[in-house]
C-alpha atoms as a PDB file:
ATOM      1  CA  MET A   1       0.000   0.000   0.000  1.00  0.00           C
ATOM      2  CA  PHE A   2       1.361   3.411  -0.941  1.00  0.00           C
ATOM      3  CA  ALA A   3       1.682   6.176   1.632  1.00  0.00           C
ATOM      4  CA  PRO A   4      -1.156   8.303   0.152  1.00  0.00           C
ATOM      5  CA  ASP A   5      -3.487   5.302   0.254  1.00  0.00           C
ATOM      6  CA  ALA A   6      -2.533   4.571   3.840  1.00  0.00           C
ATOM      7  CA  PHE A   7      -3.111   8.221   4.770  1.00  0.00           C
ATOM      8  CA  ALA A   8      -6.541   8.216   3.071  1.00  0.00           C
ATOM      9  CA  VAL A   9      -7.616   5.040   4.865  1.00  0.00           C
ATOM     10  CA  THR A  10      -6.307   6.397   8.171  1.00  0.00           C
ATOM     11  CA  ALA A  11      -8.178   9.682   7.677  1.00  0.00           C
ATOM     12  CA  ALA A  12     -11.419   7.799   6.976  1.00  0.00           C
ATOM     13  CA  LEU A  13     -10.885   5.635  10.049  1.00  0.00           C
ATOM     14  CA  CYS A  14     -10.207   8.675  12.236  1.00  0.00           C
ATOM     15  CA  SER A  15     -13.309  10.408  10.893  1.00  0.00           C
ATOM     16  CA  ALA A  16     -15.487   7.377  11.641  1.00  0.00           C
ATOM     17  CA  LEU A  17     -14.049   6.934  15.127  1.00  0.00           C
ATOM     18  CA  SER A  18     -14.392  10.624  15.944  1.00  0.00           C
ATOM     19  CA  SER A  19     -18.066  10.527  14.944  1.00  0.00           C
ATOM     20  CA  MET A  20     -18.698   7.637  17.301  1.00  0.00           C
ATOM     21  CA  PHE A  21     -16.783   9.274  20.151  1.00  0.00           C
ATOM     22  CA  LEU A  22     -18.488  12.632  19.608  1.00  0.00           C
ATOM     23  CA  SER A  23     -21.939  11.090  19.756  1.00  0.00           C
ATOM     24  CA  GLU A  24     -21.096   9.834  23.261  1.00  0.00           C
ATOM     25  CA  LEU A  25     -20.329  13.402  24.401  1.00  0.00           C
ATOM     26  CA  LYS A  26     -23.873  14.617  23.701  1.00  0.00           C
ATOM     27  CA  GLY A  27     -25.159  16.435  26.755  1.00  0.00           C
ATOM     28  CA  ARG A  28     -21.766  16.295  28.488  1.00  0.00           C
ATOM     29  CA  VAL A  29     -19.663  18.775  26.504  1.00  0.00           C
ATOM     30  CA  PRO A  30     -21.101  21.894  24.837  1.00  0.00           C
ATOM     31  CA  LEU A  31     -20.510  22.356  21.101  1.00  0.00           C
ATOM     32  CA  LEU A  32     -18.433  25.503  21.469  1.00  0.00           C
ATOM     33  CA  GLN A  33     -16.180  23.789  24.008  1.00  0.00           C
ATOM     34  CA  LEU A  34     -15.476  21.064  21.449  1.00  0.00           C
ATOM     35  CA  ALA A  35     -14.651  23.747  18.868  1.00  0.00           C
ATOM     36  CA  ARG A  36     -12.278  25.453  21.323  1.00  0.00           C
ATOM     37  CA  TRP A  37     -10.536  22.146  22.052  1.00  0.00           C
ATOM     38  CA  GLN A  38     -10.190  21.462  18.348  1.00  0.00           C
ATOM     39  CA  MET A  39      -8.793  24.936  17.681  1.00  0.00           C
ATOM     40  CA  LEU A  40      -6.258  24.561  20.497  1.00  0.00           C
ATOM     41  CA  ALA A  41      -5.197  21.083  19.334  1.00  0.00           C
ATOM     42  CA  THR A  42      -4.855  22.295  15.746  1.00  0.00           C
ATOM     43  CA  PHE A  43      -2.771  25.281  16.823  1.00  0.00           C
ATOM     44  CA  VAL A  44      -0.481  23.141  18.983  1.00  0.00           C
ATOM     45  CA  MET A  45       0.052  20.523  16.250  1.00  0.00           C
ATOM     46  CA  THR A  46       0.559  23.071  13.453  1.00  0.00           C
ATOM     47  CA  GLY A  47       2.831  25.201  15.612  1.00  0.00           C
ATOM     48  CA  SER A  48       4.919  22.222  16.695  1.00  0.00           C
ATOM     49  CA  VAL A  49       5.450  20.999  13.147  1.00  0.00           C
ATOM     50  CA  SER A  50       6.203  24.502  11.895  1.00  0.00           C
ATOM     51  CA  LEU A  51       8.767  25.062  14.631  1.00  0.00           C
ATOM     52  CA  ALA A  52      10.345  21.667  13.988  1.00  0.00           C
ATOM     53  CA  ILE A  53      10.810  22.246  10.251  1.00  0.00           C
ATOM     54  CA  GLY A  54      11.301  26.019  10.350  1.00  0.00           C
ATOM     55  CA  GLY A  55       8.104  26.782   8.474  1.00  0.00           C
ATOM     56  CA  TRP A  56       7.276  29.991  10.331  1.00  0.00           C
ATOM     57  CA  HIS A  57      10.254  31.791   8.777  1.00  0.00           C
ATOM     58  CA  THR A  58       8.815  31.590   5.284  1.00  0.00           C
ATOM     59  CA  MET A  59       5.419  32.961   6.294  1.00  0.00           C
ATOM     60  CA  GLY A  60       4.722  36.669   6.128  1.00  0.00           C
ATOM     61  CA  ALA A  61       2.189  38.602   8.167  1.00  0.00           C
ATOM     62  CA  ARG A  62      -0.390  38.487   5.364  1.00  0.00           C
ATOM     63  CA  GLU A  63      -0.122  34.713   5.009  1.00  0.00           C
ATOM     64  CA  PHE A  64      -0.319  34.269   8.778  1.00  0.00           C
ATOM     65  CA  TRP A  65      -3.588  36.194   8.997  1.00  0.00           C
ATOM     66  CA  LEU A  66      -5.016  34.345   5.996  1.00  0.00           C
ATOM     67  CA  LEU A  67      -4.152  31.027   7.649  1.00  0.00           C
ATOM     68  CA  ALA A  68      -5.546  32.163  11.005  1.00  0.00           C
ATOM     69  CA  GLY A  69      -8.784  33.422   9.415  1.00  0.00           C
ATOM     70  CA  SER A  70      -9.226  30.276   7.367  1.00  0.00           C
ATOM     71  CA  SER A  71      -8.608  28.074  10.399  1.00  0.00           C
ATOM     72  CA  PHE A  72     -10.983  30.082  12.553  1.00  0.00           C
ATOM     73  CA  ALA A  73     -13.768  29.977   9.949  1.00  0.00           C
ATOM     74  CA  GLY A  74     -13.246  26.285   9.252  1.00  0.00           C
ATOM     75  CA  ILE A  75     -13.279  25.271  12.878  1.00  0.00           C
ATOM     76  CA  SER A  76     -15.897  27.759  14.065  1.00  0.00           C
ATOM     77  CA  ILE A  77     -18.392  27.153  11.283  1.00  0.00           C
ATOM     78  CA  ALA A  78     -17.674  23.797   9.662  1.00  0.00           C
ATOM     79  CA  SER A  79     -16.629  21.806  12.718  1.00  0.00           C
ATOM     80  CA  THR A  80     -19.310  23.223  14.963  1.00  0.00           C
ATOM     81  CA  THR A  81     -21.915  22.367  12.335  1.00  0.00           C
ATOM     82  CA  TYR A  82     -20.443  18.871  12.033  1.00  0.00           C
ATOM     83  CA  PHE A  83     -20.552  18.393  15.814  1.00  0.00           C
ATOM     84  CA  ALA A  84     -24.127  19.699  15.967  1.00  0.00           C
ATOM     85  CA  THR A  85     -25.151  17.259  13.232  1.00  0.00           C
ATOM     86  CA  ILE A  86     -23.640  14.354  15.129  1.00  0.00           C
ATOM     87  CA  TYR A  87     -25.369  15.503  18.315  1.00  0.00           C
ATOM     88  CA  SER A  88     -28.708  15.826  16.483  1.00  0.00           C
ATOM     89  CA  VAL A  89     -28.923  12.741  14.290  1.00  0.00           C
ATOM     90  CA  GLY A  90     -26.044  10.496  15.327  1.00  0.00           C
ATOM     91  CA  PRO A  91     -22.900   9.313  13.564  1.00  0.00           C
ATOM     92  CA  ARG A  92     -24.534   7.009  10.993  1.00  0.00           C
ATOM     93  CA  ILE A  93     -26.883   9.600   9.527  1.00  0.00           C
ATOM     94  CA  THR A  94     -24.158  12.260   9.724  1.00  0.00           C
ATOM     95  CA  ALA A  95     -21.928  10.067   7.570  1.00  0.00           C
ATOM     96  CA  LEU A  96     -24.754   9.687   5.055  1.00  0.00           C
ATOM     97  CA  LEU A  97     -25.390  13.432   4.985  1.00  0.00           C
ATOM     98  CA  PHE A  98     -21.713  14.278   4.554  1.00  0.00           C
ATOM     99  CA  SER A  99     -21.546  11.790   1.668  1.00  0.00           C
ATOM    100  CA  LEU A 100     -23.529  14.358  -0.294  1.00  0.00           C
ATOM    101  CA  THR A 101     -20.349  16.445  -0.599  1.00  0.00           C
ATOM    102  CA  SER A 102     -19.417  14.967  -3.975  1.00  0.00           C
ATOM    103  CA  PRO A 103     -22.803  15.539  -5.652  1.00  0.00           C
ATOM    104  CA  PHE A 104     -22.998  19.087  -4.289  1.00  0.00           C
ATOM    105  CA  ALA A 105     -19.435  19.878  -5.391  1.00  0.00           C
ATOM    106  CA  LEU A 106     -20.193  18.603  -8.872  1.00  0.00           C
ATOM    107  CA  ALA A 107     -23.463  20.543  -9.125  1.00  0.00           C
ATOM    108  CA  LEU A 108     -21.935  23.771  -7.810  1.00  0.00           C
ATOM    109  CA  GLY A 109     -18.937  23.426 -10.113  1.00  0.00           C
ATOM    110  CA  TYR A 110     -21.284  23.012 -13.053  1.00  0.00           C
ATOM    111  CA  LEU A 111     -23.682  25.819 -12.086  1.00  0.00           C
ATOM    112  CA  VAL A 112     -21.313  28.396 -10.595  1.00  0.00           C
ATOM    113  CA  LEU A 113     -17.970  27.768 -12.300  1.00  0.00           C
ATOM    114  CA  GLY A 114     -19.261  26.520 -15.645  1.00  0.00           C
ATOM    115  CA  GLU A 115     -17.321  23.263 -15.449  1.00  0.00           C
ATOM    116  CA  THR A 116     -18.130  20.429 -17.796  1.00  0.00           C
ATOM    117  CA  ILE A 117     -19.259  17.062 -16.469  1.00  0.00           C
ATOM    118  CA  SER A 118     -18.009  13.872 -18.076  1.00  0.00           C
ATOM    119  CA  ARG A 119     -20.140  10.761 -18.301  1.00  0.00           C
ATOM    120  CA  TRP A 120     -17.947   9.034 -15.722  1.00  0.00           C
ATOM    121  CA  GLN A 121     -18.400  11.895 -13.254  1.00  0.00           C
ATOM    122  CA  ALA A 122     -22.162  11.854 -13.757  1.00  0.00           C
ATOM    123  CA  LEU A 123     -22.184   8.081 -13.297  1.00  0.00           C
ATOM    124  CA  GLY A 124     -20.144   8.382 -10.100  1.00  0.00           C
ATOM    125  CA  VAL A 125     -22.524  10.953  -8.640  1.00  0.00           C
ATOM    126  CA  ALA A 126     -25.535   8.862  -9.670  1.00  0.00           C
ATOM    127  CA  LEU A 127     -24.021   5.849  -7.911  1.00  0.00           C
ATOM    128  CA  ALA A 128     -23.299   7.917  -4.799  1.00  0.00           C
ATOM    129  CA  LEU A 129     -26.884   9.186  -4.723  1.00  0.00           C
ATOM    130  CA  ALA A 130     -28.244   5.666  -5.226  1.00  0.00           C
ATOM    131  CA  VAL A 131     -26.165   4.350  -2.330  1.00  0.00           C
ATOM    132  CA  LEU A 132     -27.352   7.229  -0.150  1.00  0.00           C
ATOM    133  CA  ALA A 133     -30.971   6.550  -1.052  1.00  0.00           C
ATOM    134  CA  ILE A 134     -30.584   2.867  -0.220  1.00  0.00           C
ATOM    135  CA  GLY A 135     -28.564   3.504   2.945  1.00  0.00           C
ATOM    136  CA  GLY A 136     -30.980   6.115   4.242  1.00  0.00           C
ATOM    137  CA  GLN A 137     -33.981   3.807   4.394  1.00  0.00           C
ATOM    138  CA  THR A 138     -35.271   2.551   7.704  1.00  0.00           C
ATOM    139  CA  PRO A 139     -34.797  -1.221   7.958  1.00  0.00           C
ATOM    140  CA  GLY A 140     -38.106  -3.091   7.815  1.00  0.00           C
ATOM    141  CA  VAL A 141     -40.103  -0.131   6.480  1.00  0.00           C
ATOM    142  CA  ASN A 142     -41.466  -0.114   2.941  1.00  0.00           C
ATOM    143  CA  ALA A 143     -40.364   3.247   1.533  1.00  0.00           C
ATOM    144  CA  ALA A 144     -43.115   3.199  -1.109  1.00  0.00           C
ATOM    145  CA  SER A 145     -45.875   2.911   1.499  1.00  0.00           C
ATOM    146  CA  ASP A 146     -44.323   5.275   4.039  1.00  0.00           C
ATOM    147  CA  PRO A 147     -41.769   7.630   2.405  1.00  0.00           C
ATOM    148  CA  GLY A 148     -41.724   9.928   5.436  1.00  0.00           C
ATOM    149  CA  ARG A 149     -39.917   7.300   7.501  1.00  0.00           C
ATOM    150  CA  CYS A 150     -36.607   7.767   5.686  1.00  0.00           C
ATOM    151  CA  LEU A 151     -33.857   8.064   8.321  1.00  0.00           C
ATOM    152  CA  LEU A 152     -32.469  11.138   6.608  1.00  0.00           C
ATOM    153  CA  MET A 153     -35.712  12.994   7.288  1.00  0.00           C
ATOM    154  CA  VAL A 154     -37.009  11.670  10.609  1.00  0.00           C
ATOM    155  CA  PRO A 155     -34.198  10.102  12.644  1.00  0.00           C
ATOM    156  CA  GLU A 156     -35.794  10.445  16.087  1.00  0.00           C
ATOM    157  CA  THR A 157     -38.927   8.433  15.269  1.00  0.00           C
ATOM    158  CA  ALA A 158     -37.373   5.697  13.173  1.00  0.00           C
ATOM    159  CA  GLY A 159     -38.365   2.304  14.498  1.00  0.00           C
ATOM    160  CA  MET A 160     -40.009   3.561  17.715  1.00  0.00           C
ATOM    161  CA  ASP A 161     -43.464   2.136  17.070  1.00  0.00           C
ATOM    162  CA  SER A 162     -42.391  -1.489  16.675  1.00  0.00           C
END
């Protein structure tokens, strides 16, 4: 296995484990506290690596503030939203919802940036949407007779009346 492949698999594993661990913190740790912890951990890790390899010397004031602003926005908005989603619907449904990233990126690239879509890209997005539609169904419920019971729409009531 090549290093990039190992890093990709490790990142996916860490993401899955963090979702499961975060769902256990519901009601114990506020969302903004999690964001503060993440920002501190990110700063410590980035600062340590930069000091070790001398990366701070090549960064000007403008680049520093761009990096700080990007990190703050990413952690404050994206991570807090991610944590709130896990708290609200759980890790399984959060993973399904975040799997919509590829179809949305393709659609926005087409609509906003005027990118062209190849047949293979369209097929890949269609497959991703099909998997999401299949994975989002409540086990044991006929989606044709009760489409409102899809886990993506009503996670709290799924399977409670059986």
